[in-house]
All heavy atoms as atom14 arrays in JSON, in Angstrom:
{
  "sequence": "RLSCAASGISSINLMRWFRQTPGNERVLVATISSGGTT",
  "atom14_mask": [
    [1, 1, 1, 1, 1, 1, 1, 1, 1, 1, 1, 0, 0, 0],
    [1, 1, 1, 1, 1, 1, 1, 1, 0, 0, 0, 0, 0, 0],
    [1, 1, 1, 1, 1, 1, 0, 0, 0, 0, 0, 0, 0, 0],
    [1, 1, 1, 1, 1, 1, 0, 0, 0, 0, 0, 0, 0, 0],
    [1, 1, 1, 1, 1, 0, 0, 0, 0, 0, 0, 0, 0, 0],
    [1, 1, 1, 1, 1, 0, 0, 0, 0, 0, 0, 0, 0, 0],
    [1, 1, 1, 1, 1, 1, 0, 0, 0, 0, 0, 0, 0, 0],
    [1, 1, 1, 1, 0, 0, 0, 0, 0, 0, 0, 0, 0, 0],
    [1, 1, 1, 1, 1, 1, 1, 1, 0, 0, 0, 0, 0, 0],
    [1, 1, 1, 1, 1, 1, 0, 0, 0, 0, 0, 0, 0, 0],
    [1, 1, 1, 1, 1, 1, 0, 0, 0, 0, 0, 0, 0, 0],
    [1, 1, 1, 1, 1, 1, 1, 1, 0, 0, 0, 0, 0, 0],
    [1, 1, 1, 1, 1, 1, 1, 1, 0, 0, 0, 0, 0, 0],
    [1, 1, 1, 1, 1, 1, 1, 1, 0, 0, 0, 0, 0, 0],
    [1, 1, 1, 1, 1, 1, 1, 1, 0, 0, 0, 0, 0, 0],
    [1, 1, 1, 1, 1, 1, 1, 1, 1, 1, 1, 0, 0, 0],
    [1, 1, 1, 1, 1, 1, 1, 1, 1, 1, 1, 1, 1, 1],
    [1, 1, 1, 1, 1, 1, 1, 1, 1, 1, 1, 0, 0, 0],
    [1, 1, 1, 1, 1, 1, 1, 1, 1, 1, 1, 0, 0, 0],
    [1, 1, 1, 1, 1, 1, 1, 1, 1, 0, 0, 0, 0, 0],
    [1, 1, 1, 1, 1, 1, 1, 0, 0, 0, 0, 0, 0, 0],
    [1, 1, 1, 1, 1, 1, 1, 0, 0, 0, 0, 0, 0, 0],
    [1, 1, 1, 1, 0, 0, 0, 0, 0, 0, 0, 0, 0, 0],
    [1, 1, 1, 1, 1, 1, 1, 1, 0, 0, 0, 0, 0, 0],
    [1, 1, 1, 1, 1, 1, 1, 1, 1, 0, 0, 0, 0, 0],
    [1, 1, 1, 1, 1, 1, 1, 1, 1, 1, 1, 0, 0, 0],
    [1, 1, 1, 1, 1, 1, 1, 0, 0, 0, 0, 0, 0, 0],
    [1, 1, 1, 1, 1, 1, 1, 1, 0, 0, 0, 0, 0, 0],
    [1, 1, 1, 1, 1, 1, 1, 0, 0, 0, 0, 0, 0, 0],
    [1, 1, 1, 1, 1, 0, 0, 0, 0, 0, 0, 0, 0, 0],
    [1, 1, 1, 1, 1, 1, 1, 0, 0, 0, 0, 0, 0, 0],
    [1, 1, 1, 1, 1, 1, 1, 1, 0, 0, 0, 0, 0, 0],
    [1, 1, 1, 1, 1, 1, 0, 0, 0, 0, 0, 0, 0, 0],
    [1, 1, 1, 1, 1, 1, 0, 0, 0, 0, 0, 0, 0, 0],
    [1, 1, 1, 1, 0, 0, 0, 0, 0, 0, 0, 0, 0, 0],
    [1, 1, 1, 1, 0, 0, 0, 0, 0, 0, 0, 0, 0, 0],
    [1, 1, 1, 1, 1, 1, 1, 0, 0, 0, 0, 0, 0, 0],
    [1, 1, 1, 1, 1, 1, 1, 0, 0, 0, 0, 0, 0, 0]
  ],
  "atom14_positions": [
    [[-3.02, 24.6, 146.51], [-3.17, 23.5, 145.57], [-2.26, 22.36, 145.98], [-1.04, 22.52, 146.01], [-2.81, 23.95, 144.15], [-3.14, 22.91, 143.08], [-2.47, 23.26, 141.78], [-3.01, 22.52, 140.65], [-2.32, 22.28, 139.52], [-1.08, 22.75, 139.4], [-2.87, 21.61, 138.53], [0.0, 0.0, 0.0], [0.0, 0.0, 0.0], [0.0, 0.0, 0.0]],
    [[-2.86, 21.24, 146.31], [-2.11, 20.05, 146.67], [-1.87, 19.2, 145.43], [-2.71, 19.12, 144.54], [-2.85, 19.23, 147.72], [-3.27, 19.94, 149.0], [-3.94, 18.95, 149.95], [-2.1, 20.62, 149.66], [0.0, 0.0, 0.0], [0.0, 0.0, 0.0], [0.0, 0.0, 0.0], [0.0, 0.0, 0.0], [0.0, 0.0, 0.0], [0.0, 0.0, 0.0]],
    [[-0.7, 18.57, 145.41], [-0.36, 17.64, 144.34], [0.07, 16.31, 144.94], [0.64, 16.27, 146.03], [0.78, 18.19, 143.47], [0.44, 19.4, 142.88], [0.0, 0.0, 0.0], [0.0, 0.0, 0.0], [0.0, 0.0, 0.0], [0.0, 0.0, 0.0], [0.0, 0.0, 0.0], [0.0, 0.0, 0.0], [0.0, 0.0, 0.0], [0.0, 0.0, 0.0]],
    [[-0.18, 15.26, 144.2], [0.25, 13.93, 144.62], [0.69, 13.18, 143.38], [-0.15, 12.88, 142.52], [-0.86, 13.21, 145.35], [-0.49, 11.48, 145.76], [0.0, 0.0, 0.0], [0.0, 0.0, 0.0], [0.0, 0.0, 0.0], [0.0, 0.0, 0.0], [0.0, 0.0, 0.0], [0.0, 0.0, 0.0], [0.0, 0.0, 0.0], [0.0, 0.0, 0.0]],
    [[1.98, 12.9, 143.29], [2.53, 12.21, 142.14], [2.84, 10.77, 142.49], [3.55, 10.51, 143.47], [3.79, 12.92, 141.65], [0.0, 0.0, 0.0], [0.0, 0.0, 0.0], [0.0, 0.0, 0.0], [0.0, 0.0, 0.0], [0.0, 0.0, 0.0], [0.0, 0.0, 0.0], [0.0, 0.0, 0.0], [0.0, 0.0, 0.0], [0.0, 0.0, 0.0]],
    [[2.32, 9.86, 141.7], [2.55, 8.43, 141.92], [3.59, 7.9, 140.95], [3.59, 8.26, 139.77], [1.24, 7.66, 141.74], [0.0, 0.0, 0.0], [0.0, 0.0, 0.0], [0.0, 0.0, 0.0], [0.0, 0.0, 0.0], [0.0, 0.0, 0.0], [0.0, 0.0, 0.0], [0.0, 0.0, 0.0], [0.0, 0.0, 0.0], [0.0, 0.0, 0.0]],
    [[4.46, 7.07, 141.46], [5.47, 6.43, 140.61], [5.51, 4.94, 140.91], [5.05, 4.49, 141.97], [6.84, 7.05, 140.85], [7.24, 6.88, 142.2], [0.0, 0.0, 0.0], [0.0, 0.0, 0.0], [0.0, 0.0, 0.0], [0.0, 0.0, 0.0], [0.0, 0.0, 0.0], [0.0, 0.0, 0.0], [0.0, 0.0, 0.0], [0.0, 0.0, 0.0]],
    [[6.01, 4.18, 139.96], [6.11, 2.74, 140.14], [4.81, 2.01, 139.92], [4.68, 0.84, 140.31], [0.0, 0.0, 0.0], [0.0, 0.0, 0.0], [0.0, 0.0, 0.0], [0.0, 0.0, 0.0], [0.0, 0.0, 0.0], [0.0, 0.0, 0.0], [0.0, 0.0, 0.0], [0.0, 0.0, 0.0], [0.0, 0.0, 0.0], [0.0, 0.0, 0.0]],
    [[3.88, 2.68, 139.27], [2.58, 2.07, 139.05], [1.93, 2.69, 137.83], [2.18, 3.85, 137.51], [1.66, 2.26, 140.28], [0.43, 1.37, 140.18], [1.3, 3.71, 140.49], [-0.36, 1.26, 141.47], [0.0, 0.0, 0.0], [0.0, 0.0, 0.0], [0.0, 0.0, 0.0], [0.0, 0.0, 0.0], [0.0, 0.0, 0.0], [0.0, 0.0, 0.0]],
    [[1.12, 1.91, 137.15], [0.36, 2.41, 136.02], [-1.08, 1.95, 136.18], [-1.42, 1.21, 137.1], [0.96, 1.91, 134.7], [0.94, 0.5, 134.67], [0.0, 0.0, 0.0], [0.0, 0.0, 0.0], [0.0, 0.0, 0.0], [0.0, 0.0, 0.0], [0.0, 0.0, 0.0], [0.0, 0.0, 0.0], [0.0, 0.0, 0.0], [0.0, 0.0, 0.0]],
    [[-1.92, 2.36, 135.27], [-3.33, 1.96, 135.28], [-3.99, 2.22, 136.63], [-4.56, 1.32, 137.25], [-3.48, 0.48, 134.9], [-2.97, 0.25, 133.61], [0.0, 0.0, 0.0], [0.0, 0.0, 0.0], [0.0, 0.0, 0.0], [0.0, 0.0, 0.0], [0.0, 0.0, 0.0], [0.0, 0.0, 0.0], [0.0, 0.0, 0.0], [0.0, 0.0, 0.0]],
    [[-3.9, 3.44, 137.08], [-4.54, 3.83, 138.34], [-6.02, 4.04, 138.08], [-6.4, 4.77, 137.16], [-3.91, 5.12, 138.89], [-2.43, 4.88, 139.18], [-4.64, 5.57, 140.15], [-1.67, 6.15, 139.53], [0.0, 0.0, 0.0], [0.0, 0.0, 0.0], [0.0, 0.0, 0.0], [0.0, 0.0, 0.0], [0.0, 0.0, 0.0], [0.0, 0.0, 0.0]],
    [[-6.84, 3.41, 138.88], [-8.29, 3.55, 138.69], [-8.8, 4.8, 139.41], [-9.14, 5.79, 138.81], [-9.0, 2.3, 139.2], [-8.65, 1.09, 138.37], [-8.44, 1.17, 137.17], [-8.57, -0.06, 139.01], [0.0, 0.0, 0.0], [0.0, 0.0, 0.0], [0.0, 0.0, 0.0], [0.0, 0.0, 0.0], [0.0, 0.0, 0.0], [0.0, 0.0, 0.0]],
    [[-8.82, 4.73, 140.71], [-9.39, 5.81, 141.5], [-8.28, 6.58, 142.22], [-7.35, 5.97, 142.75], [-10.37, 5.22, 142.51], [-11.45, 6.12, 143.07], [-12.35, 6.65, 141.98], [-12.26, 5.34, 144.11], [0.0, 0.0, 0.0], [0.0, 0.0, 0.0], [0.0, 0.0, 0.0], [0.0, 0.0, 0.0], [0.0, 0.0, 0.0], [0.0, 0.0, 0.0]],
    [[-8.4, 7.88, 142.23], [-7.48, 8.72, 142.99], [-8.32, 9.54, 143.96], [-9.37, 10.09, 143.56], [-6.66, 9.62, 142.07], [-5.93, 8.86, 140.98], [-4.88, 9.89, 139.93], [-3.33, 9.86, 140.86], [0.0, 0.0, 0.0], [0.0, 0.0, 0.0], [0.0, 0.0, 0.0], [0.0, 0.0, 0.0], [0.0, 0.0, 0.0], [0.0, 0.0, 0.0]],
    [[-7.88, 9.62, 145.19], [-8.71, 10.23, 146.23], [-7.87, 11.1, 147.16], [-6.67, 10.88, 147.33], [-9.42, 9.15, 147.07], [-10.26, 8.21, 146.24], [-11.04, 7.23, 147.1], [-10.2, 6.27, 147.78], [-10.68, 5.3, 148.57], [-11.99, 5.22, 148.78], [-9.87, 4.46, 149.15], [0.0, 0.0, 0.0], [0.0, 0.0, 0.0], [0.0, 0.0, 0.0]],
    [[-8.53, 12.04, 147.77], [-7.94, 12.85, 148.83], [-8.76, 12.65, 150.1], [-10.0, 12.7, 150.07], [-7.93, 14.34, 148.48], [-6.9, 14.71, 147.46], [-7.1, 14.9, 146.13], [-5.52, 14.97, 147.7], [-5.92, 15.24, 145.51], [-4.92, 15.3, 146.45], [-4.7, 14.94, 148.83], [-3.57, 15.61, 146.32], [-3.36, 15.24, 148.7], [-2.81, 15.57, 147.46]],
    [[-8.05, 12.42, 151.19], [-8.64, 12.32, 152.51], [-8.01, 13.41, 153.38], [-6.95, 13.95, 153.07], [-8.34, 10.96, 153.16], [-9.07, 9.8, 152.57], [-8.71, 9.28, 151.33], [-10.12, 9.21, 153.25], [-9.38, 8.18, 150.79], [-10.79, 8.12, 152.73], [-10.42, 7.61, 151.49], [0.0, 0.0, 0.0], [0.0, 0.0, 0.0], [0.0, 0.0, 0.0]],
    [[-8.64, 13.67, 154.51], [-8.02, 14.53, 155.5], [-8.29, 13.99, 156.89], [-9.28, 13.29, 157.11], [-8.47, 15.98, 155.37], [-9.93, 16.25, 155.68], [-10.25, 17.72, 155.36], [-11.62, 18.07, 155.69], [-12.17, 19.26, 155.39], [-11.46, 20.19, 154.76], [-13.42, 19.5, 155.74], [0.0, 0.0, 0.0], [0.0, 0.0, 0.0], [0.0, 0.0, 0.0]],
    [[-7.39, 14.35, 157.78], [-7.48, 13.82, 159.13], [-7.02, 14.87, 160.13], [-5.99, 15.51, 159.95], [-6.6, 12.56, 159.25], [-6.72, 11.84, 160.56], [-5.94, 10.53, 160.56], [-4.97, 10.36, 159.83], [-6.38, 9.58, 161.38], [0.0, 0.0, 0.0], [0.0, 0.0, 0.0], [0.0, 0.0, 0.0], [0.0, 0.0, 0.0], [0.0, 0.0, 0.0]],
    [[-7.81, 15.01, 161.2], [-7.44, 15.88, 162.31], [-7.11, 15.0, 163.52], [-7.54, 13.85, 163.58], [-8.57, 16.85, 162.64], [-9.78, 16.11, 162.85], [-8.8, 17.83, 161.5], [0.0, 0.0, 0.0], [0.0, 0.0, 0.0], [0.0, 0.0, 0.0], [0.0, 0.0, 0.0], [0.0, 0.0, 0.0], [0.0, 0.0, 0.0], [0.0, 0.0, 0.0]],
    [[-6.34, 15.54, 164.46], [-5.91, 14.73, 165.61], [-7.08, 14.09, 166.34], [-8.07, 14.75, 166.65], [-5.18, 15.75, 166.49], [-4.67, 16.76, 165.52], [-5.74, 16.87, 164.47], [0.0, 0.0, 0.0], [0.0, 0.0, 0.0], [0.0, 0.0, 0.0], [0.0, 0.0, 0.0], [0.0, 0.0, 0.0], [0.0, 0.0, 0.0], [0.0, 0.0, 0.0]],
    [[-6.95, 12.8, 166.59], [-7.95, 12.07, 167.34], [-9.14, 11.62, 166.52], [-10.07, 11.01, 167.08], [0.0, 0.0, 0.0], [0.0, 0.0, 0.0], [0.0, 0.0, 0.0], [0.0, 0.0, 0.0], [0.0, 0.0, 0.0], [0.0, 0.0, 0.0], [0.0, 0.0, 0.0], [0.0, 0.0, 0.0], [0.0, 0.0, 0.0], [0.0, 0.0, 0.0]],
    [[-9.12, 11.92, 165.23], [-10.25, 11.56, 164.37], [-9.81, 10.65, 163.23], [-8.62, 10.55, 162.91], [-10.9, 12.82, 163.8], [-11.52, 13.67, 164.88], [-12.36, 13.2, 165.66], [-11.14, 14.93, 164.94], [0.0, 0.0, 0.0], [0.0, 0.0, 0.0], [0.0, 0.0, 0.0], [0.0, 0.0, 0.0], [0.0, 0.0, 0.0], [0.0, 0.0, 0.0]],
    [[-10.77, 10.0, 162.62], [-10.48, 9.14, 161.49], [-10.29, 9.98, 160.23], [-10.71, 11.13, 160.15], [-11.61, 8.15, 161.28], [-11.79, 7.16, 162.42], [-12.88, 6.14, 162.13], [-13.57, 6.28, 161.11], [-13.02, 5.2, 162.93], [0.0, 0.0, 0.0], [0.0, 0.0, 0.0], [0.0, 0.0, 0.0], [0.0, 0.0, 0.0], [0.0, 0.0, 0.0]],
    [[-9.66, 9.35, 159.25], [-9.53, 10.01, 157.96], [-10.9, 10.12, 157.31], [-11.69, 9.17, 157.33], [-8.58, 9.22, 157.05], [-7.15, 9.32, 157.5], [-6.19, 8.62, 156.58], [-4.87, 8.57, 157.21], [-3.8, 8.03, 156.65], [-3.89, 7.49, 155.43], [-2.66, 8.03, 157.29], [0.0, 0.0, 0.0], [0.0, 0.0, 0.0], [0.0, 0.0, 0.0]],
    [[-11.12, 11.27, 156.72], [-12.4, 11.54, 156.09], [-12.17, 11.79, 154.6], [-11.26, 12.53, 154.22], [-13.06, 12.79, 156.72], [-14.34, 13.14, 155.99], [-13.34, 12.53, 158.2], [0.0, 0.0, 0.0], [0.0, 0.0, 0.0], [0.0, 0.0, 0.0], [0.0, 0.0, 0.0], [0.0, 0.0, 0.0], [0.0, 0.0, 0.0], [0.0, 0.0, 0.0]],
    [[-13.0, 11.17, 153.79], [-12.9, 11.34, 152.35], [-13.3, 12.76, 151.95], [-14.37, 13.23, 152.35], [-13.78, 10.31, 151.64], [-13.78, 10.34, 150.13], [-12.4, 10.03, 149.57], [-14.81, 9.34, 149.59], [0.0, 0.0, 0.0], [0.0, 0.0, 0.0], [0.0, 0.0, 0.0], [0.0, 0.0, 0.0], [0.0, 0.0, 0.0], [0.0, 0.0, 0.0]],
    [[-12.46, 13.37, 151.15], [-12.72, 14.75, 150.71], [-13.14, 14.78, 149.25], [-14.1, 15.47, 148.89], [-11.47, 15.63, 150.91], [-11.69, 17.02, 150.35], [-11.09, 15.71, 152.38], [0.0, 0.0, 0.0], [0.0, 0.0, 0.0], [0.0, 0.0, 0.0], [0.0, 0.0, 0.0], [0.0, 0.0, 0.0], [0.0, 0.0, 0.0], [0.0, 0.0, 0.0]],
    [[-12.41, 14.05, 148.4], [-12.7, 14.11, 146.98], [-12.18, 12.86, 146.28], [-11.21, 12.26, 146.73], [-12.06, 15.35, 146.35], [0.0, 0.0, 0.0], [0.0, 0.0, 0.0], [0.0, 0.0, 0.0], [0.0, 0.0, 0.0], [0.0, 0.0, 0.0], [0.0, 0.0, 0.0], [0.0, 0.0, 0.0], [0.0, 0.0, 0.0], [0.0, 0.0, 0.0]],
    [[-12.86, 12.5, 145.2], [-12.46, 11.36, 144.41], [-12.5, 11.71, 142.93], [-13.27, 12.58, 142.51], [-13.38, 10.15, 144.64], [-14.69, 10.48, 144.14], [-13.48, 9.8, 146.1], [0.0, 0.0, 0.0], [0.0, 0.0, 0.0], [0.0, 0.0, 0.0], [0.0, 0.0, 0.0], [0.0, 0.0, 0.0], [0.0, 0.0, 0.0], [0.0, 0.0, 0.0]],
    [[-11.7, 10.99, 142.16], [-11.75, 11.14, 140.71], [-11.39, 9.81, 140.08], [-10.4, 9.17, 140.46], [-10.83, 12.28, 140.22], [-11.01, 12.5, 138.71], [-9.38, 12.05, 140.61], [-10.41, 13.81, 138.21], [0.0, 0.0, 0.0], [0.0, 0.0, 0.0], [0.0, 0.0, 0.0], [0.0, 0.0, 0.0], [0.0, 0.0, 0.0], [0.0, 0.0, 0.0]],
    [[-12.21, 9.4, 139.14], [-11.98, 8.13, 138.46], [-11.01, 8.31, 137.31], [-10.64, 9.42, 136.95], [-13.31, 7.58, 137.94], [-13.74, 8.37, 136.84], [0.0, 0.0, 0.0], [0.0, 0.0, 0.0], [0.0, 0.0, 0.0], [0.0, 0.0, 0.0], [0.0, 0.0, 0.0], [0.0, 0.0, 0.0], [0.0, 0.0, 0.0], [0.0, 0.0, 0.0]],
    [[-10.63, 7.19, 136.71], [-9.71, 7.26, 135.58], [-10.35, 7.98, 134.4], [-9.65, 8.57, 133.57], [-9.3, 5.85, 135.16], [-10.44, 5.06, 134.85], [0.0, 0.0, 0.0], [0.0, 0.0, 0.0], [0.0, 0.0, 0.0], [0.0, 0.0, 0.0], [0.0, 0.0, 0.0], [0.0, 0.0, 0.0], [0.0, 0.0, 0.0], [0.0, 0.0, 0.0]],
    [[-11.66, 7.96, 134.35], [-12.37, 8.65, 133.28], [-12.69, 10.1, 133.58], [-13.25, 10.79, 132.73], [0.0, 0.0, 0.0], [0.0, 0.0, 0.0], [0.0, 0.0, 0.0], [0.0, 0.0, 0.0], [0.0, 0.0, 0.0], [0.0, 0.0, 0.0], [0.0, 0.0, 0.0], [0.0, 0.0, 0.0], [0.0, 0.0, 0.0], [0.0, 0.0, 0.0]],
    [[-12.35, 10.54, 134.79], [-12.56, 11.94, 135.13], [-13.82, 12.24, 135.93], [-14.09, 13.4, 136.23], [0.0, 0.0, 0.0], [0.0, 0.0, 0.0], [0.0, 0.0, 0.0], [0.0, 0.0, 0.0], [0.0, 0.0, 0.0], [0.0, 0.0, 0.0], [0.0, 0.0, 0.0], [0.0, 0.0, 0.0], [0.0, 0.0, 0.0], [0.0, 0.0, 0.0]],
    [[-14.57, 11.22, 136.28], [-15.75, 11.45, 137.11], [-15.32, 11.8, 138.52], [-14.49, 11.11, 139.11], [-16.64, 10.2, 137.14], [-17.05, 9.89, 135.8], [-17.87, 10.45, 137.99], [0.0, 0.0, 0.0], [0.0, 0.0, 0.0], [0.0, 0.0, 0.0], [0.0, 0.0, 0.0], [0.0, 0.0, 0.0], [0.0, 0.0, 0.0], [0.0, 0.0, 0.0]],
    [[-15.89, 12.87, 139.05], [-15.46, 13.36, 140.37], [-16.57, 13.27, 141.4], [-17.76, 13.23, 141.07], [-14.99, 14.81, 140.27], [-16.08, 15.64, 139.85], [-13.84, 14.96, 139.3], [0.0, 0.0, 0.0], [0.0, 0.0, 0.0], [0.0, 0.0, 0.0], [0.0, 0.0, 0.0], [0.0, 0.0, 0.0], [0.0, 0.0, 0.0], [0.0, 0.0, 0.0]]
  ]
}
């Protein structure tokens, strides 16, 4: 289970997870909106 805690900011709209392997671009893995849509 990965966690990501943000500080110094409020009213976050979209939160996302990407992943990247050597030599490749970051790839979108998952998204979640402020309303909980994933």
